[in-house]
Amino acid sequence: CKLMDGFAIFIQLCLATAAFSTLVLKRQREKPQRPVRIWAFDVSKQLVGGIVIHSLNVVAAYIFGANPDGEQSNPCVWYFLNILVDTTLGVVILWLILSGFKHITSYFSWTGFESGVYGNPPMSNQLKQWGKQLVLYILSLVLMKFVVVLLFHLCPWISDFGRWVLQWTLGNYKLQVVFVMLIFPLVMNIMQFWIVDTIVK
C-alpha cells in the first residue's frame, strides 16, 4: 500500500472534491441560509483543517506502520484507523476542545474568536476574525490528533482490528487504496463535515 504515489494522490483529490461538495448541498438545505460570504468563511476553515489533518494522518500512518525492527508494515491499515477514530471519537474530542477554548476566550474577553461570527464589513476586518478562528480550529485539530495518537499507543491491539477489517483487500493494492482513501473516508468525512460545520458555523 502506497499513500503518496500518483494513483493515491488522484484518489485523495477525488475524495476532497466529493466530500466538500456535500457542504454545498448542506447549505442549500439550511433554514435560514447563511450568506455566501459567511458560508465560505465557515467552509474554508474546514478545508484548511482537512488539509492539515489529512497530512497528519498520512504521517501517522507511516510512523505507526513501521515495525520496531525497521521493516515497513501496511500504512493503509493505520490510515484507515486514523480516519475511523477521527470521524467518530475524534469529533467528540474536537467539540470538547473547541468548547474549552470558547470558555477560555470568553473568560479573558478575547474578541474575534467566536466561531462563525466575522463582524461587519470591510472584508479586511472579517478576514482578521476568520484568521483568529482558523488558528484556534487548527490548534484544536492538532490537539485532537495528539489525543488519538496517544490512544493508539495505549491500545496497540487496534492494529489487529485494522488488519482484520482490511483483509479482504490484501493482494490488491489499488482496491485497498480506493477503499481506504476514497470509499470509507467519503462516507465518514461527509458525516464528519456536516457535524463539524454545525459546530463551527
N, C-alpha and C. Protein backbone atom coordinates (compact mmCIF):
# COMPACT_ATOMS: atom_id res chain seq x y z
N CYS A 1 0.85 -1.19 0.00
CA CYS A 1 0.00 0.00 0.00
C CYS A 1 0.88 1.24 0.00
N LYS A 2 0.63 2.14 -0.94
CA LYS A 2 1.36 3.40 -1.01
C LYS A 2 0.35 4.53 -0.94
N LEU A 3 0.59 5.45 0.02
CA LEU A 3 -0.36 6.54 0.24
C LEU A 3 -0.02 7.81 -0.52
N MET A 4 1.18 7.86 -1.13
CA MET A 4 1.60 9.11 -1.76
C MET A 4 2.09 8.93 -3.19
N ASP A 5 1.73 7.83 -3.87
CA ASP A 5 2.10 7.73 -5.28
C ASP A 5 1.03 8.43 -6.12
N GLY A 6 1.21 8.45 -7.44
CA GLY A 6 0.29 9.18 -8.31
C GLY A 6 -1.15 8.71 -8.19
N PHE A 7 -1.37 7.40 -8.14
CA PHE A 7 -2.72 6.87 -8.05
C PHE A 7 -3.38 7.28 -6.73
N ALA A 8 -2.65 7.18 -5.62
CA ALA A 8 -3.20 7.52 -4.31
C ALA A 8 -3.52 9.01 -4.23
N ILE A 9 -2.68 9.86 -4.81
CA ILE A 9 -2.93 11.31 -4.78
C ILE A 9 -4.18 11.64 -5.60
N PHE A 10 -4.36 10.98 -6.75
CA PHE A 10 -5.57 11.17 -7.56
C PHE A 10 -6.81 10.78 -6.75
N ILE A 11 -6.74 9.66 -6.04
CA ILE A 11 -7.87 9.20 -5.22
C ILE A 11 -8.16 10.22 -4.12
N GLN A 12 -7.11 10.79 -3.52
CA GLN A 12 -7.29 11.78 -2.45
C GLN A 12 -7.96 13.04 -2.98
N LEU A 13 -7.62 13.47 -4.18
CA LEU A 13 -8.25 14.65 -4.78
C LEU A 13 -9.73 14.38 -5.07
N CYS A 14 -10.03 13.16 -5.52
CA CYS A 14 -11.44 12.79 -5.74
C CYS A 14 -12.22 12.84 -4.43
N LEU A 15 -11.60 12.33 -3.37
CA LEU A 15 -12.24 12.35 -2.05
C LEU A 15 -12.52 13.77 -1.61
N ALA A 16 -11.51 14.64 -1.69
CA ALA A 16 -11.67 16.03 -1.23
C ALA A 16 -12.78 16.73 -2.00
N THR A 17 -12.81 16.54 -3.32
CA THR A 17 -13.82 17.18 -4.15
C THR A 17 -15.22 16.70 -3.79
N ALA A 18 -15.38 15.38 -3.65
CA ALA A 18 -16.70 14.82 -3.35
C ALA A 18 -17.17 15.20 -1.95
N ALA A 19 -16.27 15.11 -0.97
CA ALA A 19 -16.67 15.37 0.42
C ALA A 19 -17.05 16.84 0.62
N PHE A 20 -16.24 17.76 0.10
CA PHE A 20 -16.54 19.17 0.31
C PHE A 20 -17.73 19.65 -0.52
N SER A 21 -18.00 18.98 -1.65
CA SER A 21 -19.16 19.38 -2.44
C SER A 21 -20.47 19.10 -1.69
N THR A 22 -20.43 18.17 -0.74
CA THR A 22 -21.65 17.90 0.04
C THR A 22 -21.99 19.07 0.95
N LEU A 23 -20.99 19.91 1.29
CA LEU A 23 -21.27 21.08 2.11
C LEU A 23 -22.08 22.12 1.32
N VAL A 24 -21.94 22.11 -0.01
CA VAL A 24 -22.78 22.96 -0.85
C VAL A 24 -24.23 22.51 -0.72
N LEU A 25 -24.44 21.19 -0.77
CA LEU A 25 -25.78 20.64 -0.61
C LEU A 25 -26.35 20.97 0.77
N LYS A 26 -25.49 20.89 1.79
CA LYS A 26 -25.94 21.22 3.15
C LYS A 26 -26.42 22.66 3.23
N ARG A 27 -25.71 23.58 2.58
CA ARG A 27 -26.12 24.98 2.61
C ARG A 27 -27.48 25.16 1.94
N GLN A 28 -27.72 24.43 0.85
CA GLN A 28 -28.99 24.54 0.14
C GLN A 28 -30.17 24.12 1.01
N ARG A 29 -29.90 23.23 1.98
CA ARG A 29 -30.97 22.71 2.84
C ARG A 29 -31.11 23.51 4.14
N GLU A 30 -30.23 24.49 4.35
CA GLU A 30 -30.27 25.27 5.59
C GLU A 30 -31.48 26.19 5.63
N LYS A 31 -32.03 26.34 6.82
CA LYS A 31 -33.08 27.31 7.06
C LYS A 31 -32.84 27.92 8.44
N PRO A 32 -32.47 29.19 8.56
CA PRO A 32 -32.21 30.14 7.46
C PRO A 32 -30.85 29.87 6.82
N GLN A 33 -30.72 30.29 5.58
CA GLN A 33 -29.49 30.03 4.83
C GLN A 33 -28.45 31.10 5.12
N ARG A 34 -27.21 30.64 5.37
CA ARG A 34 -26.12 31.60 5.62
C ARG A 34 -25.80 32.37 4.35
N PRO A 35 -25.45 33.66 4.49
CA PRO A 35 -24.95 34.39 3.31
C PRO A 35 -23.73 33.68 2.73
N VAL A 36 -23.52 33.84 1.43
CA VAL A 36 -22.44 33.13 0.75
C VAL A 36 -21.08 33.41 1.39
N ARG A 37 -20.82 34.69 1.74
CA ARG A 37 -19.51 35.03 2.30
C ARG A 37 -19.30 34.33 3.65
N ILE A 38 -20.32 34.34 4.51
CA ILE A 38 -20.22 33.70 5.82
C ILE A 38 -20.04 32.19 5.65
N TRP A 39 -20.81 31.61 4.74
CA TRP A 39 -20.68 30.17 4.47
C TRP A 39 -19.27 29.84 3.96
N ALA A 40 -18.74 30.70 3.08
CA ALA A 40 -17.39 30.47 2.54
C ALA A 40 -16.34 30.56 3.65
N PHE A 41 -16.50 31.52 4.58
CA PHE A 41 -15.58 31.61 5.71
C PHE A 41 -15.64 30.32 6.54
N ASP A 42 -16.85 29.85 6.83
CA ASP A 42 -17.02 28.65 7.65
C ASP A 42 -16.40 27.41 6.98
N VAL A 43 -16.73 27.24 5.70
CA VAL A 43 -16.27 26.06 4.98
C VAL A 43 -14.76 26.08 4.75
N SER A 44 -14.21 27.29 4.52
CA SER A 44 -12.76 27.38 4.28
C SER A 44 -11.97 26.95 5.50
N LYS A 45 -12.52 27.15 6.70
CA LYS A 45 -11.84 26.68 7.91
C LYS A 45 -11.74 25.15 7.88
N GLN A 46 -12.83 24.51 7.46
CA GLN A 46 -12.80 23.05 7.36
C GLN A 46 -11.88 22.60 6.24
N LEU A 47 -11.83 23.35 5.15
CA LEU A 47 -10.96 22.99 4.03
C LEU A 47 -9.49 23.00 4.46
N VAL A 48 -9.07 24.10 5.10
CA VAL A 48 -7.68 24.19 5.58
C VAL A 48 -7.44 23.12 6.65
N GLY A 49 -8.40 22.96 7.56
CA GLY A 49 -8.28 21.93 8.60
C GLY A 49 -8.20 20.54 8.01
N GLY A 50 -8.97 20.30 6.94
CA GLY A 50 -8.93 18.99 6.28
C GLY A 50 -7.57 18.68 5.69
N ILE A 51 -6.93 19.69 5.10
CA ILE A 51 -5.58 19.50 4.55
C ILE A 51 -4.60 19.19 5.67
N VAL A 52 -4.71 19.92 6.78
CA VAL A 52 -3.80 19.71 7.92
C VAL A 52 -3.99 18.31 8.49
N ILE A 53 -5.24 17.93 8.76
CA ILE A 53 -5.49 16.64 9.40
C ILE A 53 -5.16 15.48 8.45
N HIS A 54 -5.39 15.68 7.16
CA HIS A 54 -5.02 14.64 6.18
C HIS A 54 -3.51 14.44 6.18
N SER A 55 -2.77 15.54 6.20
CA SER A 55 -1.30 15.44 6.23
C SER A 55 -0.83 14.73 7.49
N LEU A 56 -1.43 15.07 8.63
CA LEU A 56 -1.08 14.41 9.89
C LEU A 56 -1.42 12.92 9.85
N ASN A 57 -2.54 12.57 9.21
CA ASN A 57 -2.94 11.17 9.11
C ASN A 57 -1.96 10.36 8.26
N VAL A 58 -1.50 10.96 7.15
CA VAL A 58 -0.53 10.26 6.30
C VAL A 58 0.78 10.04 7.06
N VAL A 59 1.25 11.09 7.75
CA VAL A 59 2.48 10.97 8.54
C VAL A 59 2.30 9.91 9.63
N ALA A 60 1.16 9.97 10.35
CA ALA A 60 0.90 9.00 11.42
C ALA A 60 0.83 7.57 10.87
N ALA A 61 0.23 7.42 9.67
CA ALA A 61 0.12 6.09 9.07
C ALA A 61 1.49 5.49 8.80
N TYR A 62 2.42 6.31 8.30
CA TYR A 62 3.76 5.79 8.02
C TYR A 62 4.56 5.56 9.30
N ILE A 63 4.37 6.44 10.29
CA ILE A 63 5.08 6.25 11.56
C ILE A 63 4.61 4.99 12.26
N PHE A 64 3.29 4.82 12.39
CA PHE A 64 2.76 3.64 13.07
C PHE A 64 2.95 2.38 12.22
N GLY A 65 3.08 2.57 10.90
CA GLY A 65 3.26 1.42 10.03
C GLY A 65 4.65 0.82 10.09
N ALA A 66 5.58 1.50 10.76
CA ALA A 66 6.95 0.99 10.87
C ALA A 66 7.05 0.01 12.03
N ASN A 67 7.56 -1.16 11.76
CA ASN A 67 7.78 -2.15 12.82
C ASN A 67 9.01 -1.78 13.63
N PRO A 68 9.11 -2.28 14.87
CA PRO A 68 10.27 -1.98 15.71
C PRO A 68 11.60 -2.38 15.06
N ASP A 69 11.60 -3.41 14.21
CA ASP A 69 12.85 -3.85 13.59
C ASP A 69 13.18 -3.03 12.34
N GLY A 70 12.35 -2.01 12.06
CA GLY A 70 12.64 -1.11 10.95
C GLY A 70 11.93 -1.49 9.66
N GLU A 71 11.30 -2.64 9.61
CA GLU A 71 10.57 -3.03 8.41
C GLU A 71 9.26 -2.25 8.33
N GLN A 72 8.80 -2.03 7.10
CA GLN A 72 7.58 -1.25 6.90
C GLN A 72 6.39 -2.20 6.80
N SER A 73 5.39 -1.96 7.64
CA SER A 73 4.15 -2.73 7.53
C SER A 73 3.18 -1.93 6.67
N ASN A 74 1.93 -2.28 6.70
CA ASN A 74 0.95 -1.69 5.80
C ASN A 74 0.43 -0.34 6.33
N PRO A 75 0.83 0.80 5.71
CA PRO A 75 0.34 2.10 6.18
C PRO A 75 -1.15 2.30 5.93
N CYS A 76 -1.74 1.54 4.99
CA CYS A 76 -3.17 1.67 4.73
C CYS A 76 -3.99 1.29 5.97
N VAL A 77 -3.50 0.31 6.73
CA VAL A 77 -4.18 -0.10 7.96
C VAL A 77 -4.27 1.08 8.92
N TRP A 78 -3.14 1.77 9.09
CA TRP A 78 -3.11 2.88 10.03
C TRP A 78 -3.86 4.09 9.52
N TYR A 79 -3.86 4.31 8.20
CA TYR A 79 -4.65 5.41 7.65
C TYR A 79 -6.13 5.14 7.88
N PHE A 80 -6.55 3.90 7.65
CA PHE A 80 -7.94 3.50 7.90
C PHE A 80 -8.32 3.75 9.36
N LEU A 81 -7.43 3.34 10.28
CA LEU A 81 -7.71 3.51 11.71
C LEU A 81 -7.77 4.99 12.09
N ASN A 82 -6.89 5.81 11.51
CA ASN A 82 -6.93 7.25 11.78
C ASN A 82 -8.25 7.86 11.33
N ILE A 83 -8.70 7.50 10.14
CA ILE A 83 -9.98 8.02 9.63
C ILE A 83 -11.12 7.54 10.52
N LEU A 84 -11.11 6.27 10.88
CA LEU A 84 -12.18 5.70 11.72
C LEU A 84 -12.30 6.44 13.04
N VAL A 85 -11.18 6.66 13.72
CA VAL A 85 -11.21 7.31 15.03
C VAL A 85 -11.46 8.81 14.89
N ASP A 86 -10.84 9.46 13.90
CA ASP A 86 -11.03 10.91 13.71
C ASP A 86 -12.50 11.27 13.48
N THR A 87 -13.19 10.45 12.70
CA THR A 87 -14.56 10.80 12.31
C THR A 87 -15.61 10.31 13.30
N THR A 88 -15.19 9.63 14.34
CA THR A 88 -16.15 9.17 15.37
C THR A 88 -15.77 9.81 16.71
N LEU A 89 -14.89 9.17 17.43
CA LEU A 89 -14.45 9.69 18.72
C LEU A 89 -13.76 11.04 18.56
N GLY A 90 -13.05 11.21 17.45
CA GLY A 90 -12.33 12.46 17.21
C GLY A 90 -13.23 13.68 17.15
N VAL A 91 -14.45 13.51 16.60
CA VAL A 91 -15.40 14.63 16.52
C VAL A 91 -15.80 15.07 17.93
N VAL A 92 -16.01 14.09 18.81
CA VAL A 92 -16.38 14.41 20.20
C VAL A 92 -15.22 15.12 20.89
N ILE A 93 -13.99 14.60 20.69
CA ILE A 93 -12.81 15.23 21.28
C ILE A 93 -12.65 16.66 20.76
N LEU A 94 -12.84 16.84 19.44
CA LEU A 94 -12.72 18.17 18.84
C LEU A 94 -13.74 19.12 19.43
N TRP A 95 -14.97 18.67 19.60
CA TRP A 95 -16.03 19.51 20.17
C TRP A 95 -15.67 19.92 21.60
N LEU A 96 -15.15 18.98 22.37
CA LEU A 96 -14.76 19.29 23.75
C LEU A 96 -13.63 20.33 23.79
N ILE A 97 -12.64 20.16 22.90
CA ILE A 97 -11.52 21.11 22.85
C ILE A 97 -12.00 22.50 22.43
N LEU A 98 -12.84 22.55 21.38
CA LEU A 98 -13.37 23.83 20.93
C LEU A 98 -14.21 24.50 22.01
N SER A 99 -14.99 23.69 22.75
CA SER A 99 -15.79 24.24 23.86
C SER A 99 -14.89 24.80 24.94
N GLY A 100 -13.78 24.10 25.22
CA GLY A 100 -12.82 24.59 26.20
C GLY A 100 -12.22 25.92 25.78
N PHE A 101 -11.83 26.03 24.51
CA PHE A 101 -11.27 27.29 24.00
C PHE A 101 -12.32 28.41 24.04
N LYS A 102 -13.58 28.05 23.78
CA LYS A 102 -14.65 29.05 23.82
C LYS A 102 -14.77 29.65 25.22
N HIS A 103 -14.67 28.80 26.25
CA HIS A 103 -14.75 29.29 27.64
C HIS A 103 -13.52 30.13 27.99
N ILE A 104 -12.35 29.72 27.50
CA ILE A 104 -11.12 30.47 27.79
C ILE A 104 -11.17 31.85 27.16
N THR A 105 -11.56 31.91 25.87
CA THR A 105 -11.61 33.22 25.19
C THR A 105 -12.69 34.11 25.79
N SER A 106 -13.78 33.51 26.24
CA SER A 106 -14.84 34.28 26.88
C SER A 106 -14.38 34.80 28.24
N TYR A 107 -13.68 33.97 28.99
CA TYR A 107 -13.20 34.35 30.32
C TYR A 107 -12.24 35.54 30.25
N PHE A 108 -11.34 35.51 29.26
CA PHE A 108 -10.36 36.59 29.13
C PHE A 108 -10.86 37.74 28.25
N SER A 109 -12.13 37.62 27.79
CA SER A 109 -12.76 38.67 26.95
C SER A 109 -11.96 38.94 25.67
N TRP A 110 -11.40 37.87 25.09
CA TRP A 110 -10.71 38.00 23.81
C TRP A 110 -11.74 38.06 22.70
N THR A 111 -11.61 39.02 21.82
CA THR A 111 -12.61 39.21 20.76
C THR A 111 -12.16 38.56 19.46
N GLY A 112 -13.15 38.27 18.62
CA GLY A 112 -12.89 37.72 17.29
C GLY A 112 -12.77 36.22 17.23
N PHE A 113 -12.91 35.54 18.38
CA PHE A 113 -12.73 34.09 18.41
C PHE A 113 -14.05 33.32 18.39
N GLU A 114 -15.18 34.03 18.44
CA GLU A 114 -16.47 33.34 18.46
C GLU A 114 -16.72 32.73 17.08
N SER A 115 -16.78 31.41 17.02
CA SER A 115 -16.84 30.69 15.75
C SER A 115 -18.08 31.08 14.94
N GLY A 116 -17.85 31.40 13.68
CA GLY A 116 -18.93 31.74 12.77
C GLY A 116 -19.34 33.19 12.81
N VAL A 117 -18.75 33.98 13.71
CA VAL A 117 -19.07 35.40 13.81
C VAL A 117 -17.87 36.19 13.28
N TYR A 118 -18.08 36.88 12.16
CA TYR A 118 -16.96 37.56 11.49
C TYR A 118 -17.09 39.07 11.50
N GLY A 119 -18.11 39.59 12.19
CA GLY A 119 -18.29 41.04 12.26
C GLY A 119 -18.82 41.61 10.96
N ASN A 120 -18.77 42.92 10.88
CA ASN A 120 -19.30 43.63 9.73
C ASN A 120 -18.18 43.97 8.75
N PRO A 121 -18.54 44.18 7.46
CA PRO A 121 -17.53 44.64 6.50
C PRO A 121 -16.88 45.92 7.01
N PRO A 122 -15.67 46.28 6.57
CA PRO A 122 -15.00 45.76 5.37
C PRO A 122 -14.45 44.35 5.54
N MET A 123 -14.17 43.73 4.40
CA MET A 123 -13.73 42.34 4.40
C MET A 123 -12.42 42.16 5.14
N SER A 124 -11.55 43.16 5.13
CA SER A 124 -10.26 43.04 5.84
C SER A 124 -10.49 42.79 7.32
N ASN A 125 -11.51 43.43 7.90
CA ASN A 125 -11.85 43.22 9.30
C ASN A 125 -12.38 41.81 9.52
N GLN A 126 -13.20 41.35 8.58
CA GLN A 126 -13.76 39.99 8.68
C GLN A 126 -12.67 38.94 8.52
N LEU A 127 -11.69 39.20 7.66
CA LEU A 127 -10.59 38.26 7.46
C LEU A 127 -9.75 38.10 8.72
N LYS A 128 -9.58 39.20 9.48
CA LYS A 128 -8.83 39.12 10.73
C LYS A 128 -9.52 38.17 11.71
N GLN A 129 -10.84 38.30 11.82
CA GLN A 129 -11.58 37.44 12.73
C GLN A 129 -11.57 35.99 12.23
N TRP A 130 -11.67 35.81 10.91
CA TRP A 130 -11.59 34.48 10.32
C TRP A 130 -10.23 33.85 10.63
N GLY A 131 -9.17 34.65 10.53
CA GLY A 131 -7.82 34.15 10.81
C GLY A 131 -7.67 33.70 12.25
N LYS A 132 -8.22 34.47 13.19
CA LYS A 132 -8.17 34.08 14.60
C LYS A 132 -8.89 32.75 14.82
N GLN A 133 -10.08 32.63 14.22
CA GLN A 133 -10.86 31.40 14.38
C GLN A 133 -10.18 30.21 13.71
N LEU A 134 -9.52 30.47 12.58
CA LEU A 134 -8.82 29.40 11.87
C LEU A 134 -7.67 28.87 12.72
N VAL A 135 -6.89 29.77 13.32
CA VAL A 135 -5.77 29.35 14.17
C VAL A 135 -6.28 28.49 15.32
N LEU A 136 -7.38 28.92 15.94
CA LEU A 136 -7.96 28.17 17.06
C LEU A 136 -8.46 26.80 16.60
N TYR A 137 -9.06 26.75 15.41
CA TYR A 137 -9.58 25.49 14.87
C TYR A 137 -8.44 24.52 14.54
N ILE A 138 -7.37 25.03 13.90
CA ILE A 138 -6.23 24.18 13.56
C ILE A 138 -5.56 23.66 14.82
N LEU A 139 -5.40 24.53 15.83
CA LEU A 139 -4.82 24.10 17.10
C LEU A 139 -5.67 23.01 17.74
N SER A 140 -6.98 23.16 17.66
CA SER A 140 -7.90 22.15 18.21
C SER A 140 -7.74 20.82 17.47
N LEU A 141 -7.60 20.87 16.14
CA LEU A 141 -7.40 19.66 15.35
C LEU A 141 -6.10 18.96 15.74
N VAL A 142 -5.03 19.74 15.89
CA VAL A 142 -3.74 19.15 16.26
C VAL A 142 -3.82 18.50 17.64
N LEU A 143 -4.48 19.16 18.58
CA LEU A 143 -4.65 18.58 19.92
C LEU A 143 -5.50 17.31 19.86
N MET A 144 -6.54 17.33 19.04
CA MET A 144 -7.36 16.13 18.86
C MET A 144 -6.53 14.98 18.31
N LYS A 145 -5.69 15.28 17.32
CA LYS A 145 -4.85 14.24 16.72
C LYS A 145 -3.85 13.71 17.74
N PHE A 146 -3.33 14.58 18.59
CA PHE A 146 -2.42 14.15 19.65
C PHE A 146 -3.12 13.15 20.58
N VAL A 147 -4.37 13.43 20.94
CA VAL A 147 -5.13 12.51 21.80
C VAL A 147 -5.35 11.18 21.09
N VAL A 148 -5.67 11.23 19.79
CA VAL A 148 -5.90 10.00 19.02
C VAL A 148 -4.63 9.15 18.96
N VAL A 149 -3.49 9.81 18.69
CA VAL A 149 -2.21 9.09 18.63
C VAL A 149 -1.88 8.48 19.99
N LEU A 150 -2.20 9.20 21.06
CA LEU A 150 -1.99 8.67 22.42
C LEU A 150 -2.85 7.43 22.64
N LEU A 151 -4.07 7.46 22.14
CA LEU A 151 -4.95 6.28 22.26
C LEU A 151 -4.38 5.09 21.50
N PHE A 152 -3.78 5.34 20.33
CA PHE A 152 -3.15 4.26 19.57
C PHE A 152 -1.99 3.64 20.35
N HIS A 153 -1.24 4.49 21.06
CA HIS A 153 -0.14 3.98 21.88
C HIS A 153 -0.66 3.13 23.04
N LEU A 154 -1.78 3.57 23.62
CA LEU A 154 -2.35 2.87 24.77
C LEU A 154 -3.08 1.59 24.36
N CYS A 155 -3.50 1.51 23.10
CA CYS A 155 -4.28 0.36 22.62
C CYS A 155 -3.60 -0.26 21.39
N PRO A 156 -2.44 -0.90 21.55
CA PRO A 156 -1.71 -1.45 20.39
C PRO A 156 -2.48 -2.53 19.65
N TRP A 157 -3.45 -3.15 20.31
CA TRP A 157 -4.26 -4.20 19.68
C TRP A 157 -5.12 -3.67 18.53
N ILE A 158 -5.25 -2.33 18.45
CA ILE A 158 -6.12 -1.76 17.43
C ILE A 158 -5.61 -2.05 16.02
N SER A 159 -4.29 -2.25 15.88
CA SER A 159 -3.74 -2.57 14.56
C SER A 159 -4.25 -3.93 14.08
N ASP A 160 -4.44 -4.87 15.00
CA ASP A 160 -5.00 -6.18 14.62
C ASP A 160 -6.42 -6.03 14.09
N PHE A 161 -7.18 -5.13 14.71
CA PHE A 161 -8.54 -4.86 14.24
C PHE A 161 -8.51 -4.28 12.83
N GLY A 162 -7.59 -3.34 12.59
CA GLY A 162 -7.47 -2.73 11.26
C GLY A 162 -7.11 -3.75 10.20
N ARG A 163 -6.16 -4.63 10.52
CA ARG A 163 -5.77 -5.67 9.55
C ARG A 163 -6.93 -6.62 9.29
N TRP A 164 -7.70 -6.94 10.33
CA TRP A 164 -8.86 -7.83 10.18
C TRP A 164 -9.90 -7.21 9.25
N VAL A 165 -10.16 -5.91 9.42
CA VAL A 165 -11.16 -5.23 8.58
C VAL A 165 -10.72 -5.19 7.13
N LEU A 166 -9.42 -5.00 6.89
CA LEU A 166 -8.92 -4.82 5.53
C LEU A 166 -8.42 -6.10 4.87
N GLN A 167 -8.60 -7.25 5.53
CA GLN A 167 -8.03 -8.49 4.99
C GLN A 167 -8.61 -8.85 3.62
N TRP A 168 -9.84 -8.42 3.35
CA TRP A 168 -10.46 -8.74 2.05
C TRP A 168 -9.82 -7.97 0.89
N THR A 169 -9.02 -6.92 1.21
CA THR A 169 -8.36 -6.14 0.16
C THR A 169 -6.90 -6.54 -0.04
N LEU A 170 -6.39 -7.43 0.79
CA LEU A 170 -4.98 -7.81 0.70
C LEU A 170 -4.70 -8.45 -0.66
N GLY A 171 -3.57 -8.10 -1.23
CA GLY A 171 -3.19 -8.65 -2.53
C GLY A 171 -3.62 -7.77 -3.69
N ASN A 172 -4.47 -6.77 -3.42
CA ASN A 172 -4.90 -5.85 -4.47
C ASN A 172 -4.67 -4.43 -3.97
N TYR A 173 -3.51 -3.90 -4.28
CA TYR A 173 -3.09 -2.60 -3.74
C TYR A 173 -4.04 -1.48 -4.14
N LYS A 174 -4.51 -1.47 -5.41
CA LYS A 174 -5.38 -0.39 -5.86
C LYS A 174 -6.75 -0.46 -5.18
N LEU A 175 -7.27 -1.67 -5.01
CA LEU A 175 -8.54 -1.83 -4.30
C LEU A 175 -8.41 -1.33 -2.87
N GLN A 176 -7.29 -1.66 -2.23
CA GLN A 176 -7.07 -1.23 -0.84
C GLN A 176 -6.99 0.29 -0.75
N VAL A 177 -6.27 0.92 -1.67
CA VAL A 177 -6.14 2.38 -1.66
C VAL A 177 -7.50 3.04 -1.92
N VAL A 178 -8.26 2.50 -2.88
CA VAL A 178 -9.57 3.07 -3.20
C VAL A 178 -10.50 2.97 -1.99
N PHE A 179 -10.49 1.83 -1.30
CA PHE A 179 -11.35 1.68 -0.13
C PHE A 179 -10.89 2.57 1.02
N VAL A 180 -9.58 2.54 1.31
CA VAL A 180 -9.04 3.24 2.48
C VAL A 180 -9.01 4.75 2.27
N MET A 181 -8.77 5.21 1.03
CA MET A 181 -8.60 6.64 0.80
C MET A 181 -9.74 7.30 0.04
N LEU A 182 -10.77 6.51 -0.37
CA LEU A 182 -11.90 7.12 -1.07
C LEU A 182 -13.25 6.66 -0.50
N ILE A 183 -13.55 5.38 -0.61
CA ILE A 183 -14.90 4.91 -0.25
C ILE A 183 -15.18 5.11 1.23
N PHE A 184 -14.33 4.54 2.10
CA PHE A 184 -14.56 4.64 3.54
C PHE A 184 -14.47 6.09 4.03
N PRO A 185 -13.40 6.84 3.66
CA PRO A 185 -13.33 8.24 4.13
C PRO A 185 -14.46 9.11 3.59
N LEU A 186 -14.95 8.82 2.37
CA LEU A 186 -16.02 9.63 1.80
C LEU A 186 -17.26 9.56 2.67
N VAL A 187 -17.66 8.33 3.02
CA VAL A 187 -18.84 8.15 3.86
C VAL A 187 -18.63 8.79 5.22
N MET A 188 -17.47 8.53 5.84
CA MET A 188 -17.21 9.03 7.18
C MET A 188 -16.98 10.54 7.20
N ASN A 189 -16.26 11.07 6.18
CA ASN A 189 -15.99 12.50 6.13
C ASN A 189 -17.24 13.33 5.89
N ILE A 190 -18.17 12.80 5.08
CA ILE A 190 -19.41 13.54 4.85
C ILE A 190 -20.14 13.76 6.17
N MET A 191 -20.26 12.69 6.96
CA MET A 191 -20.92 12.83 8.26
C MET A 191 -20.12 13.78 9.17
N GLN A 192 -18.78 13.63 9.16
CA GLN A 192 -17.94 14.48 9.99
C GLN A 192 -18.05 15.95 9.58
N PHE A 193 -17.97 16.23 8.28
CA PHE A 193 -18.02 17.61 7.80
C PHE A 193 -19.35 18.27 8.16
N TRP A 194 -20.45 17.52 8.03
CA TRP A 194 -21.76 18.08 8.34
C TRP A 194 -21.86 18.41 9.83
N ILE A 195 -21.34 17.51 10.67
CA ILE A 195 -21.40 17.75 12.12
C ILE A 195 -20.50 18.92 12.50
N VAL A 196 -19.25 18.92 11.98
CA VAL A 196 -18.31 19.98 12.32
C VAL A 196 -18.78 21.32 11.76
N ASP A 197 -19.40 21.32 10.58
CA ASP A 197 -19.93 22.55 10.01
C ASP A 197 -20.99 23.16 10.94
N THR A 198 -21.80 22.30 11.54
CA THR A 198 -22.80 22.77 12.51
C THR A 198 -22.13 23.34 13.75
N ILE A 199 -20.99 22.77 14.14
CA ILE A 199 -20.27 23.25 15.34
C ILE A 199 -19.61 24.60 15.07
N VAL A 200 -18.97 24.76 13.90
CA VAL A 200 -18.16 25.97 13.65
C VAL A 200 -18.95 27.11 13.05
N LYS A 201 -20.16 26.87 12.55
CA LYS A 201 -20.87 27.97 11.88
C LYS A 201 -21.39 29.00 12.87
